[in-house]
């Protein structure tokens, strides 16, 4: 069983606000060495956010076709709220972010994609640190 996904962030407060809009809630705040950290739970999983002093930009795992390592988190929007389409759900999510002064960068606009024998609507956004997040919705 997966225990958690850990994300190193330049601004923990901005990341907390972002992930709260997805449906996560902080359930514990702590320090990791001398830096701020927290556990967030929601959507059937757990995130650990760790603020990094003197952060460097994240590698571009989404657009660098030779990158090896962490690629993206993926969320099924059908489990995250009612929406007629992925585009409708993403519009609502961007509106929630806008209300807290944030906007997610679109890495890939919604499109149909076959994965195995199923068809999905798929889109990618970037979190506040540029990490790719996939949003998908089963079509059949």
Protein backbone atom coordinates (compact mmCIF):
# COMPACT_ATOMS: atom_id res chain seq x y z
CA UNK A 1 0.00 0.00 0.00
CA UNK A 2 1.34 3.42 -0.96
CA UNK A 3 1.94 5.50 2.18
CA UNK A 4 2.47 8.95 0.64
CA UNK A 5 3.94 11.04 -2.15
CA UNK A 6 6.49 13.64 -1.04
CA UNK A 7 6.75 16.97 -2.84
CA UNK A 8 9.56 19.44 -2.24
CA UNK A 9 8.25 22.96 -2.67
CA UNK A 10 9.64 26.49 -2.83
CA UNK A 11 6.64 27.94 -0.94
CA UNK A 12 4.77 25.53 1.31
CA UNK A 13 1.91 27.95 1.96
CA UNK A 14 1.25 28.45 -1.76
CA UNK A 15 1.39 24.68 -2.33
CA UNK A 16 -0.94 23.99 0.60
CA UNK A 17 -3.48 26.44 -0.85
CA UNK A 18 -3.19 24.79 -4.29
CA UNK A 19 -3.63 21.23 -3.04
CA UNK A 20 -6.51 22.29 -0.77
CA UNK A 21 -8.37 23.33 -3.94
CA UNK A 22 -7.95 19.76 -5.21
CA UNK A 23 -9.52 18.37 -2.05
CA UNK A 24 -6.57 17.74 0.29
CA UNK A 25 -6.50 18.98 3.89
CA UNK A 26 -3.54 19.56 6.18
CA UNK A 27 -3.72 17.09 9.04
CA UNK A 28 -0.27 17.61 10.60
CA UNK A 29 2.38 20.33 10.46
CA UNK A 30 5.97 19.63 11.48
CA UNK A 31 9.57 20.50 10.71
CA UNK A 32 11.96 18.37 8.67
CA UNK A 33 15.34 19.43 9.99
CA UNK A 34 15.08 23.20 9.95
CA UNK A 35 12.38 23.54 7.32
CA UNK A 36 8.57 23.54 7.33
CA UNK A 37 6.65 20.41 6.32
CA UNK A 38 3.15 18.97 6.51
CA UNK A 39 0.99 15.96 5.80
CA UNK A 40 -2.06 16.53 3.61
CA UNK A 41 -4.76 13.92 3.14
CA UNK A 42 -7.56 13.67 0.62
CA UNK A 43 -8.80 11.94 -2.51
CA UNK A 44 -7.81 8.59 -1.04
CA UNK A 45 -4.14 9.51 -0.62
CA UNK A 46 -1.56 11.41 1.38
CA UNK A 47 0.92 14.09 0.34
CA UNK A 48 3.93 15.30 2.27
CA UNK A 49 4.96 18.85 1.42
CA UNK A 50 8.46 19.98 2.41
CA UNK A 51 9.60 23.57 1.94
CA UNK A 52 13.12 23.78 0.53
CA UNK A 53 15.40 26.64 1.58
CA UNK A 54 17.11 28.26 -1.41
CA UNK A 55 15.14 26.23 -3.98
CA UNK A 56 16.29 25.68 -7.53
CA UNK A 57 13.80 25.32 -10.40
CA UNK A 58 12.41 21.80 -10.84
CA UNK A 59 13.53 19.78 -13.84
CA UNK A 60 11.06 19.76 -16.71
CA UNK A 61 9.82 16.18 -16.42
CA UNK A 62 6.83 16.89 -18.68
CA UNK A 63 8.54 18.31 -21.76
CA UNK A 64 12.02 16.71 -21.50
CA UNK A 65 11.57 13.41 -23.36
CA UNK A 66 14.89 12.09 -21.99
CA UNK A 67 14.13 12.77 -18.32
CA UNK A 68 14.00 9.66 -16.13
CA UNK A 69 12.27 9.72 -12.73
CA UNK A 70 9.11 11.18 -11.18
CA UNK A 71 6.74 12.13 -13.98
CA UNK A 72 3.36 13.17 -12.57
CA UNK A 73 0.53 12.66 -10.12
CA UNK A 74 -2.77 11.61 -11.69
CA UNK A 75 -6.30 12.30 -10.48
CA UNK A 76 -9.61 10.89 -11.71
CA UNK A 77 -11.94 13.90 -11.90
CA UNK A 78 -14.99 11.64 -11.67
CA UNK A 79 -13.93 11.04 -8.05
CA UNK A 80 -13.40 14.77 -7.42
CA UNK A 81 -16.79 16.27 -8.17
CA UNK A 82 -19.56 16.44 -10.70
CA UNK A 83 -18.70 17.83 -14.12
CA UNK A 84 -20.04 17.13 -17.58
CA UNK A 85 -16.54 17.05 -19.04
CA UNK A 86 -12.92 17.37 -18.09
CA UNK A 87 -12.92 20.88 -19.54
CA UNK A 88 -15.83 21.85 -17.26
CA UNK A 89 -14.02 20.43 -14.22
CA UNK A 90 -10.75 22.22 -15.12
CA UNK A 91 -12.64 25.49 -15.57
CA UNK A 92 -14.14 25.11 -12.08
CA UNK A 93 -10.72 24.25 -10.64
CA UNK A 94 -9.09 27.32 -12.27
CA UNK A 95 -11.91 29.47 -10.84
CA UNK A 96 -11.20 28.10 -7.33
CA UNK A 97 -7.50 28.85 -7.79
CA UNK A 98 -8.26 32.34 -9.07
CA UNK A 99 -10.27 33.01 -5.89
CA UNK A 100 -7.06 32.46 -3.87
CA UNK A 101 -4.85 34.43 -6.28
CA UNK A 102 -3.35 31.46 -8.13
CA UNK A 103 -3.54 30.01 -11.62
CA UNK A 104 -2.35 26.62 -12.83
CA UNK A 105 -0.28 26.52 -16.01
CA UNK A 106 -1.85 24.27 -18.64
CA UNK A 107 0.72 21.79 -19.95
CA UNK A 108 -1.71 19.85 -22.16
CA UNK A 109 -5.24 20.93 -23.02
CA UNK A 110 -8.00 18.34 -22.58
CA UNK A 111 -7.99 15.73 -25.29
CA UNK A 112 -9.15 12.16 -25.90
CA UNK A 113 -6.52 9.50 -25.37
CA UNK A 114 -6.66 5.73 -25.57
CA UNK A 115 -4.97 3.96 -22.65
CA UNK A 116 -5.14 0.19 -23.06
CA UNK A 117 -8.62 -0.66 -24.30
CA UNK A 118 -10.28 2.41 -22.75
CA UNK A 119 -10.73 5.99 -23.86
CA UNK A 120 -10.20 8.92 -21.49
CA UNK A 121 -10.30 12.67 -21.53
CA UNK A 122 -6.81 13.70 -20.37
CA UNK A 123 -5.23 17.06 -19.46
CA UNK A 124 -2.10 18.16 -17.61
CA UNK A 125 -1.58 21.19 -15.38
CA UNK A 126 1.46 22.31 -13.40
CA UNK A 127 1.39 22.85 -9.64
CA UNK A 128 2.97 26.02 -8.13
CA UNK A 129 6.46 24.49 -8.48
CA UNK A 130 5.93 23.34 -12.07
CA UNK A 131 5.32 19.67 -11.24
CA UNK A 132 3.02 17.97 -13.74
CA UNK A 133 -0.41 16.80 -12.58
CA UNK A 134 -2.63 14.70 -14.83
CA UNK A 135 -6.40 14.92 -14.71
CA UNK A 136 -8.42 12.27 -16.48
CA UNK A 137 -11.99 11.11 -16.93
CA UNK A 138 -13.05 7.73 -18.28
CA UNK A 139 -15.16 8.01 -21.42
CA UNK A 140 -16.16 4.34 -21.87
